[in-house]
Amino acid sequence: MYLQWVRLVLVIAAWRIFGESWMRWGLLALDSDNVQSYSDRELFSIIRDGVRFTGMPGFAGTETDDQIWDVVDYLRSLR
């Protein structure tokens, strides 16, 4: 169950970071230089707050800060 939650968060985070265009590439390479170039704080903010004008809400109201940091830690483990 936890892994499914992490995957969902990562897909939504990818949508926020790259917009619709990432879907044309197939699966997003979460270890890519583009994703990894963001600071931990930037990734946290993207997942928590979303990105304006993308239509994707953040997770601040549904996930705790600790859960969001877990996702950031997971992204970093892919380096």
N, C-alpha and C. Protein backbone atom coordinates (compact mmCIF):
# COMPACT_ATOMS: atom_id res chain seq x y z
N MET A 1 0.82 -1.20 0.00
CA MET A 1 0.00 0.00 0.00
C MET A 1 0.87 1.26 0.00
N TYR A 2 1.91 1.27 0.83
CA TYR A 2 2.78 2.45 0.91
C TYR A 2 3.46 2.71 -0.43
N LEU A 3 3.94 1.65 -1.07
CA LEU A 3 4.61 1.82 -2.36
C LEU A 3 3.65 2.39 -3.40
N GLN A 4 2.40 1.98 -3.38
CA GLN A 4 1.41 2.53 -4.30
C GLN A 4 1.22 4.02 -4.05
N TRP A 5 1.20 4.41 -2.78
CA TRP A 5 1.06 5.83 -2.43
C TRP A 5 2.25 6.61 -2.95
N VAL A 6 3.46 6.08 -2.76
CA VAL A 6 4.66 6.75 -3.23
C VAL A 6 4.62 6.91 -4.75
N ARG A 7 4.22 5.87 -5.46
CA ARG A 7 4.13 5.96 -6.92
C ARG A 7 3.13 7.02 -7.36
N LEU A 8 1.99 7.08 -6.69
CA LEU A 8 0.98 8.08 -7.02
C LEU A 8 1.54 9.48 -6.81
N VAL A 9 2.18 9.69 -5.69
CA VAL A 9 2.75 11.00 -5.40
C VAL A 9 3.80 11.37 -6.45
N LEU A 10 4.62 10.41 -6.83
CA LEU A 10 5.67 10.68 -7.81
C LEU A 10 5.10 11.02 -9.18
N VAL A 11 4.05 10.34 -9.58
CA VAL A 11 3.41 10.65 -10.86
C VAL A 11 2.84 12.05 -10.83
N ILE A 12 2.18 12.40 -9.75
CA ILE A 12 1.60 13.74 -9.65
C ILE A 12 2.70 14.79 -9.58
N ALA A 13 3.76 14.50 -8.84
CA ALA A 13 4.88 15.44 -8.77
C ALA A 13 5.50 15.63 -10.15
N ALA A 14 5.62 14.56 -10.91
CA ALA A 14 6.18 14.66 -12.26
C ALA A 14 5.29 15.54 -13.13
N TRP A 15 4.01 15.38 -13.00
CA TRP A 15 3.08 16.21 -13.76
C TRP A 15 3.30 17.68 -13.41
N ARG A 16 3.49 17.95 -12.13
CA ARG A 16 3.68 19.33 -11.70
C ARG A 16 5.00 19.90 -12.20
N ILE A 17 6.03 19.10 -12.17
CA ILE A 17 7.35 19.58 -12.58
C ILE A 17 7.42 19.80 -14.08
N PHE A 18 6.89 18.87 -14.85
CA PHE A 18 7.08 18.89 -16.30
C PHE A 18 5.84 19.21 -17.10
N GLY A 19 4.68 19.23 -16.48
CA GLY A 19 3.45 19.50 -17.21
C GLY A 19 3.04 18.30 -18.06
N GLU A 20 2.16 18.53 -18.99
CA GLU A 20 1.64 17.44 -19.81
C GLU A 20 2.70 16.76 -20.66
N SER A 21 3.74 17.47 -21.02
CA SER A 21 4.70 16.92 -21.97
C SER A 21 5.38 15.66 -21.47
N TRP A 22 5.53 15.50 -20.17
CA TRP A 22 6.23 14.31 -19.67
C TRP A 22 5.47 13.04 -20.01
N MET A 23 4.16 13.12 -20.18
CA MET A 23 3.38 11.92 -20.47
C MET A 23 3.70 11.38 -21.86
N ARG A 24 4.16 12.22 -22.73
CA ARG A 24 4.52 11.78 -24.08
C ARG A 24 5.78 10.92 -24.08
N TRP A 25 6.57 11.03 -23.04
CA TRP A 25 7.82 10.28 -22.96
C TRP A 25 7.63 8.89 -22.41
N GLY A 26 6.44 8.55 -21.96
CA GLY A 26 6.25 7.30 -21.24
C GLY A 26 6.56 7.53 -19.78
N LEU A 27 7.17 6.57 -19.14
CA LEU A 27 7.50 6.72 -17.73
C LEU A 27 8.60 7.75 -17.55
N LEU A 28 8.42 8.59 -16.57
CA LEU A 28 9.41 9.62 -16.28
C LEU A 28 10.60 9.02 -15.56
N ALA A 29 11.78 9.38 -15.98
CA ALA A 29 13.00 8.92 -15.30
C ALA A 29 13.21 9.79 -14.07
N LEU A 30 12.81 9.27 -12.92
CA LEU A 30 12.88 10.05 -11.69
C LEU A 30 14.31 10.28 -11.24
N ASP A 31 15.25 9.53 -11.80
CA ASP A 31 16.65 9.75 -11.48
C ASP A 31 17.33 10.67 -12.50
N SER A 32 16.54 11.27 -13.37
CA SER A 32 17.10 12.14 -14.41
C SER A 32 17.75 13.37 -13.80
N ASP A 33 18.65 13.97 -14.57
CA ASP A 33 19.31 15.19 -14.11
C ASP A 33 18.30 16.29 -13.85
N ASN A 34 17.24 16.33 -14.65
CA ASN A 34 16.23 17.37 -14.48
C ASN A 34 15.56 17.27 -13.11
N VAL A 35 15.09 16.10 -12.75
CA VAL A 35 14.44 15.91 -11.45
C VAL A 35 15.46 16.11 -10.33
N GLN A 36 16.63 15.53 -10.48
CA GLN A 36 17.63 15.59 -9.43
C GLN A 36 18.24 16.97 -9.27
N SER A 37 18.05 17.86 -10.24
CA SER A 37 18.61 19.21 -10.13
C SER A 37 17.86 20.08 -9.13
N TYR A 38 16.65 19.69 -8.78
CA TYR A 38 15.90 20.44 -7.78
C TYR A 38 16.48 20.18 -6.40
N SER A 39 16.47 21.21 -5.56
CA SER A 39 16.90 21.02 -4.18
C SER A 39 15.84 20.21 -3.44
N ASP A 40 16.22 19.66 -2.30
CA ASP A 40 15.25 18.92 -1.49
C ASP A 40 14.06 19.81 -1.15
N ARG A 41 14.33 21.04 -0.81
CA ARG A 41 13.27 21.98 -0.43
C ARG A 41 12.34 22.24 -1.62
N GLU A 42 12.91 22.38 -2.82
CA GLU A 42 12.07 22.61 -4.00
C GLU A 42 11.17 21.41 -4.28
N LEU A 43 11.72 20.21 -4.19
CA LEU A 43 10.90 19.01 -4.40
C LEU A 43 9.79 18.94 -3.35
N PHE A 44 10.14 19.22 -2.11
CA PHE A 44 9.15 19.22 -1.03
C PHE A 44 8.02 20.20 -1.36
N SER A 45 8.39 21.40 -1.75
CA SER A 45 7.38 22.43 -2.05
C SER A 45 6.50 22.05 -3.23
N ILE A 46 7.10 21.45 -4.26
CA ILE A 46 6.33 21.02 -5.42
C ILE A 46 5.30 19.97 -5.02
N ILE A 47 5.72 19.01 -4.21
CA ILE A 47 4.81 17.95 -3.79
C ILE A 47 3.77 18.49 -2.81
N ARG A 48 4.19 19.33 -1.88
CA ARG A 48 3.27 19.85 -0.87
C ARG A 48 2.30 20.86 -1.45
N ASP A 49 2.81 21.83 -2.23
CA ASP A 49 2.00 22.96 -2.66
C ASP A 49 1.50 22.87 -4.09
N GLY A 50 2.08 21.97 -4.87
CA GLY A 50 1.74 21.91 -6.28
C GLY A 50 2.43 23.02 -7.05
N VAL A 51 2.10 23.14 -8.31
CA VAL A 51 2.67 24.18 -9.16
C VAL A 51 1.51 24.96 -9.75
N ARG A 52 1.56 26.25 -9.61
CA ARG A 52 0.47 27.09 -10.10
C ARG A 52 0.25 26.90 -11.60
N PHE A 53 -0.99 27.02 -11.98
CA PHE A 53 -1.41 27.01 -13.39
C PHE A 53 -1.25 25.65 -14.07
N THR A 54 -1.08 24.58 -13.29
CA THR A 54 -1.01 23.25 -13.90
C THR A 54 -2.30 22.48 -13.68
N GLY A 55 -3.15 22.98 -12.79
CA GLY A 55 -4.37 22.27 -12.46
C GLY A 55 -4.17 21.15 -11.46
N MET A 56 -2.96 21.00 -10.97
CA MET A 56 -2.67 19.93 -10.02
C MET A 56 -2.53 20.51 -8.62
N PRO A 57 -3.37 20.05 -7.69
CA PRO A 57 -3.27 20.54 -6.31
C PRO A 57 -2.08 19.91 -5.59
N GLY A 58 -1.69 20.52 -4.50
CA GLY A 58 -0.64 19.97 -3.66
C GLY A 58 -1.21 18.95 -2.69
N PHE A 59 -0.31 18.33 -1.94
CA PHE A 59 -0.70 17.32 -0.97
C PHE A 59 -0.73 17.83 0.46
N ALA A 60 -0.60 19.14 0.67
CA ALA A 60 -0.54 19.69 2.02
C ALA A 60 -1.75 19.31 2.86
N GLY A 61 -2.91 19.22 2.26
CA GLY A 61 -4.11 18.91 3.01
C GLY A 61 -4.37 17.44 3.23
N THR A 62 -3.64 16.58 2.52
CA THR A 62 -3.92 15.15 2.62
C THR A 62 -2.77 14.33 3.17
N GLU A 63 -1.55 14.85 3.08
CA GLU A 63 -0.38 14.11 3.57
C GLU A 63 0.38 14.97 4.56
N THR A 64 1.01 14.32 5.51
CA THR A 64 1.80 15.05 6.50
C THR A 64 3.13 15.48 5.89
N ASP A 65 3.76 16.44 6.53
CA ASP A 65 5.09 16.85 6.07
C ASP A 65 6.06 15.68 6.09
N ASP A 66 5.97 14.84 7.11
CA ASP A 66 6.86 13.67 7.19
C ASP A 66 6.66 12.74 6.00
N GLN A 67 5.43 12.53 5.58
CA GLN A 67 5.16 11.68 4.43
C GLN A 67 5.72 12.30 3.15
N ILE A 68 5.60 13.59 3.03
CA ILE A 68 6.13 14.27 1.85
C ILE A 68 7.66 14.19 1.84
N TRP A 69 8.29 14.35 3.01
CA TRP A 69 9.75 14.21 3.08
C TRP A 69 10.17 12.78 2.73
N ASP A 70 9.34 11.80 3.08
CA ASP A 70 9.63 10.41 2.68
C ASP A 70 9.71 10.28 1.16
N VAL A 71 8.83 10.97 0.46
CA VAL A 71 8.85 10.93 -1.00
C VAL A 71 10.12 11.61 -1.53
N VAL A 72 10.48 12.74 -0.94
CA VAL A 72 11.72 13.42 -1.34
C VAL A 72 12.92 12.50 -1.10
N ASP A 73 12.95 11.84 0.06
CA ASP A 73 14.04 10.90 0.35
C ASP A 73 14.08 9.78 -0.68
N TYR A 74 12.91 9.29 -1.07
CA TYR A 74 12.87 8.24 -2.09
C TYR A 74 13.44 8.75 -3.41
N LEU A 75 13.05 9.94 -3.82
CA LEU A 75 13.59 10.51 -5.05
C LEU A 75 15.11 10.61 -4.99
N ARG A 76 15.63 11.01 -3.85
CA ARG A 76 17.08 11.14 -3.69
C ARG A 76 17.77 9.77 -3.72
N SER A 77 17.09 8.75 -3.27
CA SER A 77 17.69 7.41 -3.27
C SER A 77 17.90 6.88 -4.69
N LEU A 78 17.27 7.51 -5.66
CA LEU A 78 17.36 7.07 -7.05
C LEU A 78 18.57 7.64 -7.77
N ARG A 79 19.33 8.48 -7.11
CA ARG A 79 20.52 9.10 -7.74
C ARG A 79 21.48 8.07 -8.22
